[in-house]
Protein backbone atom coordinates (compact mmCIF):
# COMPACT_ATOMS: atom_id res chain seq x y z
CA MET A 1 -10.61 5.23 15.96
CA SER A 2 -12.98 2.30 15.70
CA ILE A 3 -11.86 -1.00 17.24
CA ILE A 4 -13.80 -4.04 16.08
CA GLY A 5 -12.84 -7.60 16.79
CA GLU A 6 -9.50 -9.26 17.31
CA ASN A 7 -7.32 -11.02 14.78
CA GLN A 8 -3.83 -12.52 14.70
CA TRP A 9 -1.59 -13.35 11.77
CA LEU A 10 1.50 -15.50 12.40
CA GLN A 11 1.80 -14.21 15.97
CA GLY A 12 1.69 -10.71 14.55
CA GLU A 13 -0.81 -7.95 14.39
CA LEU A 14 -3.26 -7.35 11.59
CA ILE A 15 -4.22 -3.74 11.10
CA MET A 16 -6.89 -2.75 8.65
CA MET A 17 -6.94 0.58 6.90
CA THR A 18 -10.50 1.14 5.79
CA ILE A 19 -12.87 3.69 4.38
CA ASN A 20 -16.10 3.39 6.28
CA SER A 21 -16.89 6.72 7.93
CA ASN A 22 -18.58 9.92 6.85
CA ILE A 23 -20.89 8.02 4.50
CA PRO A 24 -24.03 10.10 4.16
CA SER A 25 -26.92 8.35 5.85
CA SER A 26 -28.94 8.65 2.66
CA TRP A 27 -26.48 6.25 1.03
CA ARG A 28 -27.51 3.55 3.46
CA LEU A 29 -31.20 3.84 2.70
CA HIS A 30 -33.19 2.71 -0.28
CA VAL A 31 -35.69 5.53 0.17
CA TYR A 32 -35.92 7.80 -2.79
CA GLY A 33 -37.24 11.33 -2.84
CA GLN A 34 -39.85 12.76 -5.11
CA GLY A 35 -39.47 15.53 -7.63
CA SER A 36 -39.38 16.20 -11.33
CA SER A 37 -38.43 13.08 -13.27
CA LEU A 38 -35.21 12.42 -15.16
CA ALA A 39 -34.62 9.39 -17.38
CA LEU A 40 -31.92 6.73 -17.30
CA GLU A 41 -31.49 4.21 -20.06
CA ALA A 42 -32.49 0.78 -18.80
CA GLY A 43 -30.45 -0.94 -21.50
CA ASN A 44 -33.10 -3.57 -22.27
CA GLN A 45 -32.41 -5.22 -25.61
CA PRO A 46 -34.48 -7.87 -27.37
CA SER A 47 -33.06 -11.37 -27.22
CA ARG A 48 -31.30 -12.90 -30.19
CA GLY A 49 -34.03 -15.46 -30.64
CA ALA A 50 -36.68 -12.81 -30.65
CA SER A 51 -34.79 -10.81 -33.28
CA GLN A 52 -34.45 -13.83 -35.54
CA GLU A 53 -38.11 -14.68 -35.20
CA SER A 54 -39.25 -11.15 -35.97
CA SER A 55 -37.13 -11.03 -39.14
CA GLN A 56 -39.16 -13.89 -40.57
CA THR A 57 -42.56 -12.39 -39.96
CA THR A 58 -44.58 -9.54 -41.35
CA SER A 59 -46.19 -6.94 -39.14
CA PRO A 60 -49.91 -6.16 -39.46
CA ASP A 61 -49.06 -3.00 -41.43
CA ASN A 62 -47.10 -5.10 -43.97
CA THR A 63 -43.74 -3.92 -42.50
CA THR A 64 -41.08 -6.62 -42.63
CA GLY A 65 -39.05 -7.73 -39.62
CA ALA A 66 -35.95 -6.08 -41.10
CA ALA A 67 -37.74 -2.75 -41.20
CA ARG A 68 -38.79 -3.10 -37.58
CA ASN A 69 -35.15 -3.64 -36.67
CA SER A 70 -34.02 -0.45 -38.41
CA PRO A 71 -32.11 2.17 -36.34
CA GLN A 72 -35.19 4.37 -36.22
CA ALA A 73 -37.37 1.57 -34.88
CA GLN A 74 -34.69 0.49 -32.41
CA GLN A 75 -34.37 4.04 -31.09
CA GLY A 76 -38.09 4.14 -30.52
CA ARG A 77 -38.04 0.93 -28.51
CA ASN A 78 -35.11 2.16 -26.41
CA SER A 79 -36.82 5.42 -25.59
CA SER A 80 -39.87 3.50 -24.41
CA SER A 81 -37.78 1.36 -22.01
CA THR A 82 -36.30 4.14 -19.90
CA VAL A 83 -36.52 4.31 -16.10
CA SER A 84 -37.61 7.56 -14.51
CA ILE A 85 -35.88 8.76 -11.34
CA SER A 86 -36.26 11.92 -9.34
CA GLN A 87 -33.77 14.76 -9.24
CA GLU A 88 -32.87 13.71 -5.70
CA ASP A 89 -32.01 10.21 -6.88
CA TRP A 90 -30.02 11.62 -9.78
CA LYS A 91 -27.94 13.67 -7.35
CA LEU A 92 -27.44 10.61 -5.13
CA LEU A 93 -26.28 8.62 -8.14
CA GLN A 94 -23.63 11.19 -9.00
CA GLU A 95 -22.43 11.19 -5.37
CA LEU A 96 -22.21 7.40 -5.38
CA LYS A 97 -20.17 7.40 -8.58
CA ALA A 98 -17.75 9.96 -7.17
CA ARG A 99 -17.51 8.07 -3.88
CA ASP A 100 -16.80 4.81 -5.70
CA GLN A 101 -13.86 6.35 -7.57
CA GLU A 102 -12.47 7.97 -4.42
CA VAL A 103 -12.72 4.78 -2.36
CA ARG A 104 -11.03 2.62 -4.97
CA ALA A 105 -8.21 5.12 -5.52
CA HIS A 106 -7.65 5.37 -1.75
CA GLU A 107 -7.43 1.62 -1.24
CA ARG A 108 -5.27 1.05 -4.33
CA ALA A 109 -2.78 3.55 -2.92
CA HIS A 110 -2.57 1.63 0.38
CA PHE A 111 -2.23 -1.66 -1.48
CA ALA A 112 0.46 -0.51 -3.90
CA ALA A 113 2.65 1.01 -1.18
CA GLY A 114 2.28 -1.84 1.34
CA GLY A 115 4.39 -4.32 -0.60
CA ARG A 116 4.82 -7.76 0.92
CA TYR A 117 3.29 -6.70 4.21
CA VAL A 118 -0.18 -6.31 2.67
CA LYS A 119 -2.38 -9.33 3.31
CA GLY A 120 -4.63 -9.75 0.31
CA GLY A 121 -6.14 -7.17 -2.00
CA PRO A 122 -8.56 -4.38 -1.12
CA SER A 123 -12.05 -5.37 -0.04
CA TYR A 124 -15.04 -3.10 -0.45
CA GLN A 125 -18.45 -2.39 0.99
CA TYR A 126 -21.13 -1.56 -1.53
CA GLN A 127 -24.30 0.48 -1.78
CA GLN A 128 -26.88 -0.10 -4.47
CA GLY A 129 -27.70 3.04 -6.40
CA PRO A 130 -31.01 4.19 -7.87
CA ASP A 131 -29.89 2.67 -11.19
CA GLY A 132 -29.63 -0.79 -9.61
CA LYS A 133 -25.82 -0.91 -9.80
CA ARG A 134 -23.51 -1.38 -6.81
CA TYR A 135 -21.03 1.34 -5.86
CA ALA A 136 -18.13 1.07 -3.41
CA VAL A 137 -18.74 3.32 -0.42
CA GLY A 138 -16.17 1.75 1.93
CA GLY A 139 -13.10 -0.41 1.74
CA GLU A 140 -10.13 -1.77 3.63
CA VAL A 141 -6.64 -3.13 3.15
CA SER A 142 -5.06 -5.28 5.85
CA ILE A 143 -1.36 -4.86 6.58
CA ASP A 144 0.97 -6.61 9.03
CA VAL A 145 2.47 -4.07 11.44
CA ALA A 146 4.00 -6.41 14.01
CA PRO A 147 7.67 -5.65 14.82
CA GLU A 148 10.24 -8.09 13.47
CA GLY A 149 12.57 -10.03 15.76
CA ASP A 150 15.55 -8.00 14.58
CA PRO A 151 15.52 -4.22 15.13
CA GLU A 152 17.11 -3.52 11.76
CA GLU A 153 14.35 -5.49 10.01
CA THR A 154 11.78 -3.69 12.12
CA LEU A 155 13.15 -0.35 10.92
CA LYS A 156 12.78 -1.40 7.28
CA LYS A 157 9.30 -2.77 7.84
CA MET A 158 8.01 0.29 9.67
CA ASP A 159 9.26 2.55 6.87
CA VAL A 160 7.05 0.58 4.46
CA VAL A 161 4.08 0.66 6.84
CA ILE A 162 4.38 4.43 7.25
CA LYS A 163 4.57 4.89 3.50
CA ALA A 164 1.50 2.68 2.97
CA ALA A 165 -0.53 4.45 5.64
CA LEU A 166 0.14 7.88 4.14
CA ALA A 167 0.00 6.83 0.49
CA PRO A 168 -3.54 8.07 -0.36
CA ALA A 169 -3.99 11.64 -1.51
CA ARG A 170 -6.14 12.30 1.57
CA PRO A 171 -4.92 10.16 4.49
CA SER A 172 -7.51 9.94 7.23
CA SER A 173 -6.89 10.65 10.89
CA GLN A 174 -6.74 6.91 11.48
CA ASP A 175 -4.38 6.39 8.55
CA ARG A 176 -2.17 8.89 10.34
CA ALA A 177 -2.63 6.94 13.55
CA VAL A 178 -1.24 3.84 11.81
CA ALA A 179 1.75 5.87 10.64
CA ALA A 180 2.28 7.27 14.14
CA ARG A 181 2.19 3.81 15.66
CA ALA A 182 4.70 2.52 13.13
CA GLN A 183 6.89 5.54 13.88
CA SER A 184 6.78 4.66 17.58
CA GLN A 185 7.84 1.08 16.86
CA LYS A 186 10.59 2.42 14.65
CA ALA A 187 11.86 4.56 17.54
CA GLN A 188 11.89 1.49 19.80
CA ALA A 189 13.94 -0.40 17.22
CA LEU A 190 16.42 2.47 17.04
CA ALA A 191 16.71 2.40 20.84
CA GLU A 192 17.43 -1.34 20.71
CA LEU A 193 20.18 -0.79 18.16
CA ALA A 194 21.72 1.92 20.32
CA LYS A 195 21.61 -0.40 23.32
CA GLU A 196 23.36 -3.12 21.33
CA GLN A 197 26.16 -0.75 20.48
CA THR A 198 26.50 0.20 24.15
CA ASP A 199 26.21 -3.27 25.70
CA GLY A 200 27.97 -5.27 23.00
CA PRO A 201 26.74 -7.99 20.62
CA GLU A 202 26.08 -10.66 23.29
CA LYS A 203 23.87 -8.53 25.52
CA GLY A 204 22.19 -6.98 22.51
CA SER A 205 21.26 -10.42 21.17
CA LYS A 206 19.82 -11.39 24.55
CA SER A 207 17.82 -8.19 24.63
CA ARG A 208 16.32 -8.98 21.21
CA ASP A 209 15.32 -12.48 22.35
CA GLU A 210 13.60 -11.11 25.44
CA THR A 211 11.80 -8.49 23.37
CA THR A 212 10.61 -11.09 20.87
CA ASP A 213 9.32 -13.36 23.66
CA ALA A 214 7.41 -10.47 25.19
CA GLN A 215 5.81 -9.56 21.86
CA ASP A 216 4.56 -13.13 21.42
CA LEU A 217 2.43 -12.83 24.54
CA PRO A 218 -1.04 -11.31 23.92
CA GLY A 219 -1.56 -8.26 26.05
CA SER A 220 2.14 -7.68 26.64
CA TRP A 221 1.99 -4.31 24.87
CA PRO A 222 0.27 -1.30 26.41
CA ASN A 223 -3.09 -0.87 24.67
CA TYR A 224 -2.48 -3.97 22.57
CA THR A 225 -5.35 -4.10 20.07
CA PRO A 226 -4.96 -6.78 17.38
CA GLY A 227 -7.40 -6.55 14.52
CA THR A 228 -7.82 -2.80 14.78
CA ILE A 229 -9.89 -1.21 12.05
CA PHE A 230 -8.71 2.13 10.78
CA SER A 231 -11.06 4.49 8.97
CA GLY A 232 -9.98 5.68 5.54
CA TYR A 233 -11.45 9.17 5.93
CA ALA A 234 -11.53 11.68 8.74
């Protein structure tokens, strides 16, 4: 589990569920291999002004501008504006495309299940591919996992946190760590409710106040780590 930085949100804890591990080192480098060439369309098109100008002129071989803009002529120009990449780069491009889809699906699952406890939408880290486009190779969703002042509300909140942490099709080990932590806080809330039933409403209310005060003090929890970053993949 990677721990980077500290952060607080309304005297609560911000926990980030992210996808930033197991990224092949080759994805972080703009060093391309050599091999037999493959072609990608560059997508270069003549400007509108240039097209209008050419339609009013005659080529040296007496071909009009309209003829030069025919589908056959356009296809010829497109084929001459391709970009050659190696087989290694082609393979990397396919991996980046697959990674991008997986990352976005993973983070959308966290976001959709987190409800009102999610703080903002997913954010992504990008890698530029051999085709010049950016592909998501990492991402994170921040979610508030601080216990509520009332044990019953804490129970409801932790159920949502657990659901959000395990929402992706492939929860990471650190996603599971978030769920385990929420499960532990849920158990504490259940213990508080049981104590209230044993001690009576007055003592139970006092116990909740003392617990809330303790949670407001940084470092009052064992291994208190606000701003923890959780990897999205094992």
